[in-house]
Amino acid sequence: MDLLYGVLVAPFRDMLTAPTFLAEVLIGGVAAGLMYSLVALGFVLIFKASGVFNFSQGVMVLFSALTLVGLMEGGVPVVLALGLTIAVMVALAFAIERVVLRPLVNQEHIILFMATIGLSFFLEGLGEMVWGANVKKLDVGIPDESFKMAGILINTLEMTAAATAAILVGVLAVFFQRTKIGRALRAVADDHEAALSIGIPLRTIWVVVWSVAGIVAIAAGIMWGAKSGVQFSLSLIALKALPVLILGGFTSVPGAIVGGLIIGTGEKIGEVYWGPLVGGAIENWFAYVLALAFLLVRPQGLFGEKIIERV
């Protein structure tokens, strides 16, 4: 009975008796969730345009952050380094379309998925060879300090990262729904051959979407790199976007946002209030357990379309 009380009642009692601390935990969860959403949008972009899950998106986050911090360590000013990093990621998009995607047009999705796995290992090895494997500090001028507002402790770096992620998420949502290129992306995702038949250039669309995904990776790499340093575990942090996609749906921009917020706030609350009861480390596995539960109940995600096959 005492164990049941400790697991089911005590955490909720702690939330009610310390609302200010709960607000701090929720703010931290929302900030982390928005950054997860930002990474997840890179997956959504490419999946919507090609129907292929890009396993290398997490490594693209790492590679972009390594490129940026490597240029800055070489004496390049931060603004110029950012511009050069964007150029590198756009050039990478052209190379991926020419070398990887173009020869595999109309192949099975599993083949393209395996190609993105190979691409992830290539980028990780290239990043290590060019920039080294040591942990690098990324300083983009955002102070990592805290201040109090209405009695709530708020971290400046986390709030800046959350605001940046929120702005980019909003811009990408508008890009998908309101622009000509966004509509073309959705058409290509629905049917490659039909899109080609009405004059939509498939190769151009792929370059555009991989370029945008690369720019999203830069933003995510800056935010995560400034928070925890640029290191090779950054690609594993970025893969936390996988449960976000499972929750929200692989083709849904709003789903990526909502899924990220659920994962971010859920893991922070679980770690703070239930972690001490089970020995901690809830934050490491919470997202994947929640994703597994969703796969059993609603495999298409909250905003995904249910696929009905008639036999």
Protein backbone atom coordinates (compact mmCIF):
# COMPACT_ATOMS: atom_id res chain seq x y z
CA MET A 1 0.00 0.00 0.00
CA ASP A 2 2.84 2.38 0.86
CA LEU A 3 4.50 1.61 -2.46
CA LEU A 4 1.26 2.26 -4.35
CA TYR A 5 0.82 5.56 -2.51
CA GLY A 6 4.39 6.56 -3.29
CA VAL A 7 4.05 5.85 -7.01
CA LEU A 8 0.52 7.09 -7.68
CA VAL A 9 -0.23 9.76 -5.09
CA ALA A 10 2.98 11.30 -3.79
CA PRO A 11 4.17 12.80 -7.14
CA PHE A 12 0.81 14.51 -7.73
CA ARG A 13 0.86 15.80 -4.16
CA ASP A 14 4.31 17.27 -4.78
CA MET A 15 3.05 18.98 -7.93
CA LEU A 16 0.16 20.61 -6.07
CA THR A 17 2.20 21.70 -3.07
CA ALA A 18 4.99 23.30 -5.16
CA PRO A 19 3.32 24.89 -8.22
CA THR A 20 6.27 27.22 -8.90
CA PHE A 21 8.67 24.30 -9.20
CA LEU A 22 6.16 22.48 -11.41
CA ALA A 23 6.04 25.53 -13.68
CA GLU A 24 9.86 25.47 -13.96
CA VAL A 25 9.78 21.78 -14.89
CA LEU A 26 7.06 22.40 -17.51
CA ILE A 27 8.97 25.32 -19.04
CA GLY A 28 12.07 23.14 -19.33
CA GLY A 29 9.96 20.38 -20.88
CA VAL A 30 8.38 22.74 -23.42
CA ALA A 31 11.82 24.09 -24.38
CA ALA A 32 13.18 20.56 -24.91
CA GLY A 33 10.01 19.54 -26.72
CA LEU A 34 10.26 22.40 -29.21
CA MET A 35 13.85 21.42 -30.00
CA TYR A 36 12.73 17.81 -30.51
CA SER A 37 10.00 19.14 -32.83
CA LEU A 38 12.60 21.08 -34.81
CA VAL A 39 14.62 17.92 -35.43
CA ALA A 40 11.46 15.95 -36.21
CA LEU A 41 10.49 18.49 -38.87
CA GLY A 42 13.64 17.58 -40.79
CA PHE A 43 12.40 13.98 -40.91
CA VAL A 44 8.89 15.12 -41.88
CA LEU A 45 10.19 17.32 -44.72
CA ILE A 46 12.00 14.49 -46.46
CA PHE A 47 9.35 11.88 -45.73
CA LYS A 48 6.62 14.11 -47.19
CA ALA A 49 8.67 14.74 -50.35
CA SER A 50 9.90 11.22 -51.01
CA GLY A 51 8.03 8.82 -48.74
CA VAL A 52 11.43 7.74 -47.37
CA PHE A 53 12.47 7.86 -43.74
CA ASN A 54 15.81 9.72 -43.62
CA PHE A 55 17.79 7.90 -40.95
CA SER A 56 20.69 10.32 -41.48
CA GLN A 57 18.80 13.41 -40.23
CA GLY A 58 20.28 13.04 -36.75
CA VAL A 59 23.80 12.87 -38.16
CA MET A 60 23.03 15.91 -40.35
CA VAL A 61 22.37 17.81 -37.11
CA LEU A 62 25.77 16.67 -35.81
CA PHE A 63 27.58 17.37 -39.10
CA SER A 64 26.17 20.89 -39.40
CA ALA A 65 27.12 21.70 -35.80
CA LEU A 66 30.63 20.29 -36.32
CA THR A 67 31.06 22.37 -39.47
CA LEU A 68 29.90 25.56 -37.74
CA VAL A 69 32.05 25.16 -34.64
CA GLY A 70 35.02 24.00 -36.72
CA LEU A 71 34.89 27.15 -38.85
CA MET A 72 34.52 29.32 -35.76
CA GLU A 73 37.53 27.65 -34.13
CA GLY A 74 39.46 28.41 -37.31
CA GLY A 75 38.88 32.13 -36.76
CA VAL A 76 35.87 32.66 -39.02
CA PRO A 77 33.37 35.19 -37.57
CA VAL A 78 30.12 33.60 -36.39
CA VAL A 79 27.90 35.21 -39.05
CA LEU A 80 30.23 34.22 -41.90
CA ALA A 81 30.65 30.75 -40.39
CA LEU A 82 26.87 30.36 -40.32
CA GLY A 83 26.61 31.41 -43.97
CA LEU A 84 29.36 28.97 -44.97
CA THR A 85 27.67 26.18 -43.01
CA ILE A 86 24.41 26.82 -44.86
CA ALA A 87 26.34 26.69 -48.15
CA VAL A 88 27.91 23.37 -47.09
CA MET A 89 24.50 21.86 -46.26
CA VAL A 90 22.99 23.05 -49.57
CA ALA A 91 25.97 21.60 -51.45
CA LEU A 92 25.45 18.39 -49.50
CA ALA A 93 21.81 18.36 -50.65
CA PHE A 94 22.92 18.63 -54.30
CA ALA A 95 25.44 15.81 -53.78
CA ILE A 96 22.86 13.56 -52.11
CA GLU A 97 20.37 14.11 -54.95
CA ARG A 98 22.98 13.42 -57.61
CA VAL A 99 24.84 10.51 -56.03
CA VAL A 100 22.25 8.80 -53.82
CA LEU A 101 18.71 9.65 -54.86
CA ARG A 102 18.86 9.96 -58.64
CA PRO A 103 20.22 6.42 -59.24
CA LEU A 104 17.54 5.01 -56.89
CA VAL A 105 14.45 6.69 -58.33
CA ASN A 106 11.42 4.34 -58.29
CA GLN A 107 13.24 1.79 -56.15
CA GLU A 108 11.58 0.25 -53.10
CA HIS A 109 11.46 2.50 -50.06
CA ILE A 110 13.50 0.03 -48.04
CA ILE A 111 16.39 0.49 -50.49
CA LEU A 112 16.32 4.27 -50.06
CA PHE A 113 16.07 3.82 -46.30
CA MET A 114 19.18 1.63 -46.34
CA ALA A 115 20.89 4.30 -48.45
CA THR A 116 20.18 6.91 -45.75
CA ILE A 117 21.69 4.58 -43.13
CA GLY A 118 24.85 4.39 -45.24
CA LEU A 119 24.76 8.17 -45.63
CA SER A 120 24.59 8.62 -41.86
CA PHE A 121 27.75 6.57 -41.31
CA PHE A 122 29.50 8.42 -44.14
CA LEU A 123 28.67 11.86 -42.72
CA GLU A 124 29.67 10.81 -39.21
CA GLY A 125 33.02 9.53 -40.46
CA LEU A 126 33.57 12.60 -42.64
CA GLY A 127 32.80 14.93 -39.75
CA GLU A 128 35.25 13.10 -37.49
CA MET A 129 37.95 13.07 -40.18
CA VAL A 130 37.65 16.79 -40.99
CA TRP A 131 36.84 18.30 -37.59
CA GLY A 132 38.07 15.71 -35.07
CA ALA A 133 36.25 13.69 -32.41
CA ASN A 134 36.76 15.90 -29.35
CA VAL A 135 33.85 17.59 -27.60
CA LYS A 136 33.64 21.19 -28.79
CA LYS A 137 32.07 24.15 -27.05
CA LEU A 138 29.74 26.14 -29.27
CA ASP A 139 29.39 29.77 -28.24
CA VAL A 140 26.99 31.77 -30.42
CA GLY A 141 26.61 34.65 -28.00
CA ILE A 142 23.63 33.32 -26.05
CA PRO A 143 24.35 33.44 -22.29
CA ASP A 144 23.75 30.21 -20.40
CA GLU A 145 22.36 31.86 -17.28
CA SER A 146 19.08 31.95 -15.38
CA PHE A 147 16.78 34.68 -14.13
CA LYS A 148 13.58 34.79 -12.14
CA MET A 149 10.22 35.90 -13.49
CA ALA A 150 7.18 35.82 -11.17
CA GLY A 151 9.21 33.60 -8.87
CA ILE A 152 9.92 31.07 -11.65
CA LEU A 153 13.54 30.31 -12.56
CA ILE A 154 14.03 30.58 -16.35
CA ASN A 155 17.17 29.70 -18.30
CA THR A 156 18.06 32.23 -21.02
CA LEU A 157 19.65 29.67 -23.36
CA GLU A 158 16.67 27.31 -23.12
CA MET A 159 14.19 30.12 -23.75
CA THR A 160 16.16 31.42 -26.74
CA ALA A 161 16.37 27.91 -28.18
CA ALA A 162 12.64 27.37 -27.63
CA ALA A 163 11.76 30.71 -29.25
CA THR A 164 14.01 29.97 -32.24
CA ALA A 165 12.52 26.50 -32.64
CA ALA A 166 8.98 27.87 -32.36
CA ILE A 167 9.65 30.49 -35.06
CA LEU A 168 11.19 27.95 -37.44
CA VAL A 169 8.37 25.49 -36.82
CA GLY A 170 5.84 28.21 -37.67
CA VAL A 171 7.75 29.24 -40.80
CA LEU A 172 7.94 25.64 -42.03
CA ALA A 173 4.25 25.08 -41.34
CA VAL A 174 3.39 28.12 -43.49
CA PHE A 175 5.92 26.97 -46.11
CA PHE A 176 4.17 23.62 -46.46
CA GLN A 177 0.62 24.95 -46.51
CA ARG A 178 0.83 28.30 -48.30
CA THR A 179 3.67 28.25 -50.83
CA LYS A 180 3.83 26.81 -54.33
CA ILE A 181 6.90 24.74 -53.46
CA GLY A 182 5.15 23.40 -50.37
CA ARG A 183 2.19 22.24 -52.45
CA ALA A 184 4.59 20.69 -54.93
CA LEU A 185 6.26 18.81 -52.07
CA ARG A 186 2.94 17.37 -51.01
CA ALA A 187 2.14 16.37 -54.59
CA VAL A 188 5.49 14.58 -54.96
CA ALA A 189 4.89 12.77 -51.68
CA ASP A 190 1.47 11.54 -52.84
CA ASP A 191 2.60 10.21 -56.23
CA HIS A 192 5.98 10.73 -57.94
CA GLU A 193 4.77 9.77 -61.41
CA ALA A 194 1.64 11.92 -61.21
CA ALA A 195 3.72 14.88 -60.03
CA LEU A 196 6.11 14.42 -62.95
CA SER A 197 3.21 14.21 -65.40
CA ILE A 198 1.99 17.71 -64.45
CA GLY A 199 5.44 19.24 -64.76
CA ILE A 200 6.76 19.16 -61.19
CA PRO A 201 10.56 18.62 -61.43
CA LEU A 202 11.26 15.78 -59.04
CA ARG A 203 15.00 16.33 -58.87
CA THR A 204 14.63 20.02 -58.09
CA ILE A 205 12.09 19.27 -55.36
CA TRP A 206 14.44 16.76 -53.76
CA VAL A 207 17.32 19.26 -53.76
CA VAL A 208 15.05 21.90 -52.22
CA VAL A 209 13.70 19.62 -49.51
CA TRP A 210 17.12 18.24 -48.56
CA SER A 211 18.48 21.80 -48.47
CA VAL A 212 15.67 22.92 -46.17
CA ALA A 213 16.19 19.82 -44.01
CA GLY A 214 19.88 20.72 -43.85
CA ILE A 215 19.08 24.27 -42.72
CA VAL A 216 16.72 22.86 -40.08
CA ALA A 217 19.58 20.58 -39.00
CA ILE A 218 21.83 23.63 -38.60
CA ALA A 219 19.30 25.33 -36.33
CA ALA A 220 18.87 22.17 -34.27
CA GLY A 221 22.64 21.66 -34.12
CA ILE A 222 23.19 25.20 -32.86
CA MET A 223 20.56 24.87 -30.16
CA TRP A 224 21.65 21.46 -28.91
CA GLY A 225 25.35 22.21 -29.40
CA ALA A 226 25.14 25.43 -27.39
CA LYS A 227 23.32 23.57 -24.63
CA SER A 228 25.36 20.39 -24.28
CA GLY A 229 28.42 20.88 -26.48
CA VAL A 230 29.10 19.58 -29.97
CA GLN A 231 29.86 15.90 -29.56
CA PHE A 232 29.04 12.71 -31.41
CA SER A 233 26.30 11.80 -28.94
CA LEU A 234 24.42 14.75 -30.48
CA SER A 235 23.21 12.44 -33.25
CA LEU A 236 21.67 10.15 -30.61
CA ILE A 237 19.92 13.10 -28.97
CA ALA A 238 18.54 14.03 -32.38
CA LEU A 239 17.14 10.53 -32.79
CA LYS A 240 14.82 11.34 -29.87
CA ALA A 241 12.77 12.80 -32.72
CA LEU A 242 11.77 9.24 -33.71
CA PRO A 243 9.26 8.85 -30.85
CA VAL A 244 8.03 12.36 -31.69
CA LEU A 245 7.25 11.21 -35.24
CA ILE A 246 5.52 8.08 -33.99
CA LEU A 247 3.30 10.14 -31.71
CA GLY A 248 2.50 12.89 -34.19
CA GLY A 249 2.55 11.04 -37.51
CA PHE A 250 5.33 10.88 -40.09
CA THR A 251 3.66 13.30 -42.54
CA SER A 252 2.21 15.87 -40.16
CA VAL A 253 3.85 19.20 -39.33
CA PRO A 254 1.38 19.89 -36.49
CA GLY A 255 1.97 16.32 -35.32
CA ALA A 256 5.71 16.98 -35.04
CA ILE A 257 4.98 20.01 -32.87
CA VAL A 258 2.45 18.31 -30.59
CA GLY A 259 4.51 15.11 -30.38
CA GLY A 260 7.60 17.07 -29.41
CA LEU A 261 5.76 18.92 -26.65
CA ILE A 262 4.31 15.67 -25.28
CA ILE A 263 7.72 13.99 -25.25
CA GLY A 264 9.54 17.00 -23.83
CA THR A 265 7.15 17.75 -20.98
CA GLY A 266 6.44 14.08 -20.26
CA GLU A 267 10.08 13.08 -19.85
CA LYS A 268 10.89 16.09 -17.65
CA ILE A 269 7.90 15.48 -15.36
CA GLY A 270 8.66 11.75 -15.25
CA GLU A 271 12.33 12.32 -14.41
CA VAL A 272 11.68 14.90 -11.70
CA TYR A 273 8.65 13.38 -9.96
CA TRP A 274 8.86 9.64 -10.66
CA GLY A 275 12.61 9.30 -11.26
CA PRO A 276 13.60 9.16 -7.57
CA LEU A 277 11.10 6.33 -7.04
CA VAL A 278 12.60 4.07 -9.71
CA GLY A 279 16.27 5.01 -9.51
CA GLY A 280 16.23 7.79 -12.12
CA ALA A 281 17.11 7.75 -15.84
CA ILE A 282 13.43 7.97 -16.87
CA GLU A 283 14.38 10.74 -19.29
CA ASN A 284 16.46 8.28 -21.31
CA TRP A 285 13.69 5.77 -22.04
CA PHE A 286 10.38 7.56 -21.47
CA ALA A 287 9.98 8.70 -25.08
CA TYR A 288 10.57 5.23 -26.53
CA VAL A 289 8.20 3.49 -24.11
CA LEU A 290 5.49 6.05 -24.89
CA ALA A 291 6.11 5.56 -28.62
CA LEU A 292 5.78 1.78 -28.20
CA ALA A 293 2.43 2.27 -26.45
CA PHE A 294 1.24 4.46 -29.33
CA LEU A 295 2.31 1.86 -31.89
CA LEU A 296 0.13 -0.70 -30.13
CA VAL A 297 -2.91 1.58 -29.96
CA ARG A 298 -2.63 4.07 -32.83
CA PRO A 299 0.30 3.20 -35.13
CA GLN A 300 -0.43 6.07 -37.55
CA GLY A 301 0.08 8.65 -34.78
CA LEU A 302 -2.19 11.39 -33.51
CA PHE A 303 -2.34 13.29 -36.80
CA GLY A 304 -1.46 10.56 -39.29
CA GLU A 305 -3.97 9.16 -41.73
CA LYS A 306 -5.25 5.69 -41.01
CA ILE A 307 -4.41 3.38 -43.89
CA ILE A 308 -7.24 1.04 -44.84
CA GLU A 309 -6.36 -1.83 -47.16
CA ARG A 310 -9.18 -3.73 -48.80
CA VAL A 311 -8.59 -7.35 -49.69
